[in-house]
Amino acid sequence: MATTRNPLQFIQQVRAEIAKVVWPTRREVFLTTVMVFIMATLTAIFFALVDLVIRFGVQELLTFFG
């Protein structure tokens, strides 16, 4: 792709590229957003459980040696 110095030509090229973009539908955006929230929640639950297990293990070690 050649570098253009003409602002009008640049704007035309930008409009041509934007016309190629496939924009998501409202339903796709909604479903993707819901999936992100679900995955974030599952990840938070997973790390909370891992934290509890590690905390329990460290407390038991400190109790055993302390």
C-alpha atoms as a PDB file:
ATOM      1  CA  MET A   1       0.000   0.000   0.000  1.00  0.00           C
ATOM      2  CA  ALA A   2       1.522   3.270  -1.098  1.00  0.00           C
ATOM      3  CA  THR A   3       1.711   6.242   1.217  1.00  0.00           C
ATOM      4  CA  THR A   4      -0.528   9.084   0.086  1.00  0.00           C
ATOM      5  CA  ARG A   5      -0.008  12.713   0.930  1.00  0.00           C
ATOM      6  CA  ASN A   6      -3.341  13.996  -0.383  1.00  0.00           C
ATOM      7  CA  PRO A   7      -5.831  14.373   2.527  1.00  0.00           C
ATOM      8  CA  LEU A   8      -8.846  13.968   0.240  1.00  0.00           C
ATOM      9  CA  GLN A   9      -7.491  10.705  -1.151  1.00  0.00           C
ATOM     10  CA  PHE A  10      -6.707   9.535   2.385  1.00  0.00           C
ATOM     11  CA  ILE A  11     -10.306  10.191   3.487  1.00  0.00           C
ATOM     12  CA  GLN A  12     -11.608   8.304   0.462  1.00  0.00           C
ATOM     13  CA  GLN A  13      -9.385   5.340   1.304  1.00  0.00           C
ATOM     14  CA  VAL A  14     -10.534   5.390   4.923  1.00  0.00           C
ATOM     15  CA  ARG A  15     -14.192   5.403   3.843  1.00  0.00           C
ATOM     16  CA  ALA A  16     -13.513   2.511   1.461  1.00  0.00           C
ATOM     17  CA  GLU A  17     -11.887   0.483   4.253  1.00  0.00           C
ATOM     18  CA  ILE A  18     -14.713   1.261   6.702  1.00  0.00           C
ATOM     19  CA  ALA A  19     -17.221   0.064   4.104  1.00  0.00           C
ATOM     20  CA  LYS A  20     -15.482  -3.359   4.152  1.00  0.00           C
ATOM     21  CA  VAL A  21     -15.991  -3.769   7.907  1.00  0.00           C
ATOM     22  CA  VAL A  22     -18.662  -6.273   8.920  1.00  0.00           C
ATOM     23  CA  TRP A  23     -20.341  -4.672  11.914  1.00  0.00           C
ATOM     24  CA  PRO A  24     -21.899  -6.967  14.548  1.00  0.00           C
ATOM     25  CA  THR A  25     -25.635  -6.976  15.024  1.00  0.00           C
ATOM     26  CA  ARG A  26     -27.240  -5.781  18.241  1.00  0.00           C
ATOM     27  CA  ARG A  27     -27.960  -9.415  19.176  1.00  0.00           C
ATOM     28  CA  GLU A  28     -24.320 -10.439  18.596  1.00  0.00           C
ATOM     29  CA  VAL A  29     -23.092  -7.581  20.781  1.00  0.00           C
ATOM     30  CA  PHE A  30     -25.566  -8.520  23.527  1.00  0.00           C
ATOM     31  CA  LEU A  31     -24.630 -12.222  23.454  1.00  0.00           C
ATOM     32  CA  THR A  32     -20.919 -11.457  23.429  1.00  0.00           C
ATOM     33  CA  THR A  33     -21.335  -9.082  26.382  1.00  0.00           C
ATOM     34  CA  VAL A  34     -23.286 -11.697  28.339  1.00  0.00           C
ATOM     35  CA  MET A  35     -20.607 -14.311  27.611  1.00  0.00           C
ATOM     36  CA  VAL A  36     -17.880 -11.947  28.813  1.00  0.00           C
ATOM     37  CA  PHE A  37     -19.740 -11.386  32.099  1.00  0.00           C
ATOM     38  CA  ILE A  38     -20.283 -15.137  32.541  1.00  0.00           C
ATOM     39  CA  MET A  39     -16.614 -15.932  31.885  1.00  0.00           C
ATOM     40  CA  ALA A  40     -15.475 -13.137  34.210  1.00  0.00           C
ATOM     41  CA  THR A  41     -17.749 -14.491  36.947  1.00  0.00           C
ATOM     42  CA  LEU A  42     -16.500 -18.060  36.481  1.00  0.00           C
ATOM     43  CA  THR A  43     -12.902 -16.851  36.531  1.00  0.00           C
ATOM     44  CA  ALA A  44     -13.519 -14.872  39.721  1.00  0.00           C
ATOM     45  CA  ILE A  45     -15.115 -17.912  41.383  1.00  0.00           C
ATOM     46  CA  PHE A  46     -12.214 -20.138  40.303  1.00  0.00           C
ATOM     47  CA  PHE A  47      -9.570 -17.791  41.704  1.00  0.00           C
ATOM     48  CA  ALA A  48     -11.563 -17.288  44.913  1.00  0.00           C
ATOM     49  CA  LEU A  49     -11.610 -21.053  45.418  1.00  0.00           C
ATOM     50  CA  VAL A  50      -7.888 -21.331  44.648  1.00  0.00           C
ATOM     51  CA  ASP A  51      -7.258 -18.528  47.147  1.00  0.00           C
ATOM     52  CA  LEU A  52      -9.252 -20.357  49.820  1.00  0.00           C
ATOM     53  CA  VAL A  53      -7.334 -23.594  49.229  1.00  0.00           C
ATOM     54  CA  ILE A  54      -3.965 -21.844  49.378  1.00  0.00           C
ATOM     55  CA  ARG A  55      -5.002 -19.874  52.482  1.00  0.00           C
ATOM     56  CA  PHE A  56      -6.133 -23.076  54.206  1.00  0.00           C
ATOM     57  CA  GLY A  57      -2.876 -24.806  53.278  1.00  0.00           C
ATOM     58  CA  VAL A  58      -0.713 -21.959  54.567  1.00  0.00           C
ATOM     59  CA  GLN A  59      -2.706 -21.731  57.809  1.00  0.00           C
ATOM     60  CA  GLU A  60      -2.315 -25.467  58.372  1.00  0.00           C
ATOM     61  CA  LEU A  61       1.431 -25.258  57.725  1.00  0.00           C
ATOM     62  CA  LEU A  62       1.802 -22.331  60.128  1.00  0.00           C
ATOM     63  CA  THR A  63      -0.259 -24.140  62.765  1.00  0.00           C
ATOM     64  CA  PHE A  64       1.808 -27.319  62.330  1.00  0.00           C
ATOM     65  CA  PHE A  65       5.193 -25.551  62.536  1.00  0.00           C
ATOM     66  CA  GLY A  66       4.151 -22.701  64.819  1.00  0.00           C
END
